């Protein structure tokens, strides 16, 4: 996984990534994952896209509201 989405580029999820999402509790279909291949030594230089959508600085910086299954606020965690 990368910190950006390359415009017009295919972004497969490896078996390692899909299984790590399952470890976090997500429901996944492991059979749809791509096989992982070690990148070539020069892959980083070739991977820099001309146009990209950045995913940086996407951390919630406000209070976190915890709700119960009925939608009632049970706790607010401040900044």
C-alpha atoms as a PDB file:
ATOM      1  CA  UNK A   1       0.000   0.000   0.000  1.00  0.00           C
ATOM      2  CA  UNK A   2       1.229   3.482  -0.775  1.00  0.00           C
ATOM      3  CA  UNK A   3       0.461   6.943   0.628  1.00  0.00           C
ATOM      4  CA  UNK A   4      -1.022   8.057  -2.699  1.00  0.00           C
ATOM      5  CA  UNK A   5      -3.261   6.803  -5.493  1.00  0.00           C
ATOM      6  CA  UNK A   6      -1.641   6.981  -8.911  1.00  0.00           C
ATOM      7  CA  UNK A   7      -4.176   8.331 -11.394  1.00  0.00           C
ATOM      8  CA  UNK A   8      -4.925   5.773 -14.100  1.00  0.00           C
ATOM      9  CA  UNK A   9      -2.776   3.083 -12.495  1.00  0.00           C
ATOM     10  CA  UNK A  10      -3.962  -0.335 -11.334  1.00  0.00           C
ATOM     11  CA  UNK A  11      -3.561  -0.732  -7.562  1.00  0.00           C
ATOM     12  CA  UNK A  12      -3.853  -4.417  -6.643  1.00  0.00           C
ATOM     13  CA  UNK A  13      -3.963  -5.580  -3.027  1.00  0.00           C
ATOM     14  CA  UNK A  14      -1.475  -8.284  -2.153  1.00  0.00           C
ATOM     15  CA  UNK A  15      -2.330 -11.356  -0.136  1.00  0.00           C
ATOM     16  CA  UNK A  16      -0.245  -9.884   2.703  1.00  0.00           C
ATOM     17  CA  UNK A  17      -2.292  -6.655   2.728  1.00  0.00           C
ATOM     18  CA  UNK A  18      -5.643  -8.436   2.537  1.00  0.00           C
ATOM     19  CA  UNK A  19      -4.708 -10.790   5.367  1.00  0.00           C
ATOM     20  CA  UNK A  20      -3.501  -7.864   7.511  1.00  0.00           C
ATOM     21  CA  UNK A  21      -6.928  -6.238   7.035  1.00  0.00           C
ATOM     22  CA  UNK A  22      -8.528  -9.530   8.161  1.00  0.00           C
ATOM     23  CA  UNK A  23      -6.277  -9.450  11.250  1.00  0.00           C
ATOM     24  CA  UNK A  24      -7.755  -6.025  12.047  1.00  0.00           C
ATOM     25  CA  UNK A  25     -11.259  -7.475  11.928  1.00  0.00           C
ATOM     26  CA  UNK A  26     -12.358  -6.623   8.389  1.00  0.00           C
ATOM     27  CA  UNK A  27     -14.310  -9.236   6.419  1.00  0.00           C
ATOM     28  CA  UNK A  28     -12.188 -10.072   3.377  1.00  0.00           C
ATOM     29  CA  UNK A  29     -12.176 -12.539   0.488  1.00  0.00           C
ATOM     30  CA  UNK A  30      -8.624 -13.871   0.626  1.00  0.00           C
ATOM     31  CA  UNK A  31      -9.069 -15.715  -2.665  1.00  0.00           C
ATOM     32  CA  UNK A  32      -9.391 -12.397  -4.537  1.00  0.00           C
ATOM     33  CA  UNK A  33      -6.015 -11.091  -3.367  1.00  0.00           C
ATOM     34  CA  UNK A  34      -3.040 -10.692  -5.686  1.00  0.00           C
ATOM     35  CA  UNK A  35       0.133 -12.710  -5.166  1.00  0.00           C
ATOM     36  CA  UNK A  36       2.919 -10.674  -3.594  1.00  0.00           C
ATOM     37  CA  UNK A  37       6.141 -10.232  -5.525  1.00  0.00           C
ATOM     38  CA  UNK A  38       9.265  -8.611  -4.139  1.00  0.00           C
ATOM     39  CA  UNK A  39       9.868  -5.324  -5.966  1.00  0.00           C
ATOM     40  CA  UNK A  40      12.860  -4.894  -8.226  1.00  0.00           C
ATOM     41  CA  UNK A  41      15.730  -2.775  -6.807  1.00  0.00           C
ATOM     42  CA  UNK A  42      14.845   0.190  -9.055  1.00  0.00           C
ATOM     43  CA  UNK A  43      11.068  -0.052  -8.430  1.00  0.00           C
ATOM     44  CA  UNK A  44      10.928   3.036  -6.206  1.00  0.00           C
ATOM     45  CA  UNK A  45      12.400   5.240  -8.930  1.00  0.00           C
ATOM     46  CA  UNK A  46       9.989   3.860 -11.531  1.00  0.00           C
ATOM     47  CA  UNK A  47       6.945   4.005  -9.230  1.00  0.00           C
ATOM     48  CA  UNK A  48       6.808   7.789  -8.796  1.00  0.00           C
ATOM     49  CA  UNK A  49       3.678   8.755 -10.760  1.00  0.00           C
ATOM     50  CA  UNK A  50       3.424  11.968 -12.740  1.00  0.00           C
ATOM     51  CA  UNK A  51       0.028  12.707 -11.165  1.00  0.00           C
ATOM     52  CA  UNK A  52      -1.126  11.329  -7.832  1.00  0.00           C
ATOM     53  CA  UNK A  53      -3.849  11.792  -5.269  1.00  0.00           C
ATOM     54  CA  UNK A  54      -2.083  12.264  -1.903  1.00  0.00           C
ATOM     55  CA  UNK A  55      -3.475  10.454   1.127  1.00  0.00           C
ATOM     56  CA  UNK A  56      -1.287  12.177   3.719  1.00  0.00           C
ATOM     57  CA  UNK A  57      -2.492  14.127   6.741  1.00  0.00           C
ATOM     58  CA  UNK A  58      -5.752  12.182   7.032  1.00  0.00           C
ATOM     59  CA  UNK A  59      -5.760  11.854  10.814  1.00  0.00           C
ATOM     60  CA  UNK A  60      -8.878  12.894  12.712  1.00  0.00           C
ATOM     61  CA  UNK A  61      -7.874  15.718  15.043  1.00  0.00           C
ATOM     62  CA  UNK A  62     -11.051  16.221  17.012  1.00  0.00           C
ATOM     63  CA  UNK A  63     -12.923  14.583  19.809  1.00  0.00           C
ATOM     64  CA  UNK A  64     -13.924  10.983  19.168  1.00  0.00           C
ATOM     65  CA  UNK A  65     -17.540  10.147  19.890  1.00  0.00           C
ATOM     66  CA  UNK A  66     -18.243   6.554  20.934  1.00  0.00           C
ATOM     67  CA  UNK A  67     -21.782   5.316  20.342  1.00  0.00           C
ATOM     68  CA  UNK A  68     -23.527   2.120  21.406  1.00  0.00           C
ATOM     69  CA  UNK A  69     -25.330  -0.216  18.973  1.00  0.00           C
ATOM     70  CA  UNK A  70     -28.511   1.862  19.441  1.00  0.00           C
ATOM     71  CA  UNK A  71     -26.770   5.055  18.339  1.00  0.00           C
ATOM     72  CA  UNK A  72     -26.578   6.652  21.796  1.00  0.00           C
ATOM     73  CA  UNK A  73     -23.429   8.575  22.715  1.00  0.00           C
ATOM     74  CA  UNK A  74     -21.758   6.710  25.572  1.00  0.00           C
ATOM     75  CA  UNK A  75     -18.390   8.447  25.678  1.00  0.00           C
ATOM     76  CA  UNK A  76     -16.510  11.372  24.187  1.00  0.00           C
ATOM     77  CA  UNK A  77     -12.722  11.127  24.033  1.00  0.00           C
ATOM     78  CA  UNK A  78     -11.240  14.653  23.934  1.00  0.00           C
ATOM     79  CA  UNK A  79      -8.299  15.704  21.736  1.00  0.00           C
END
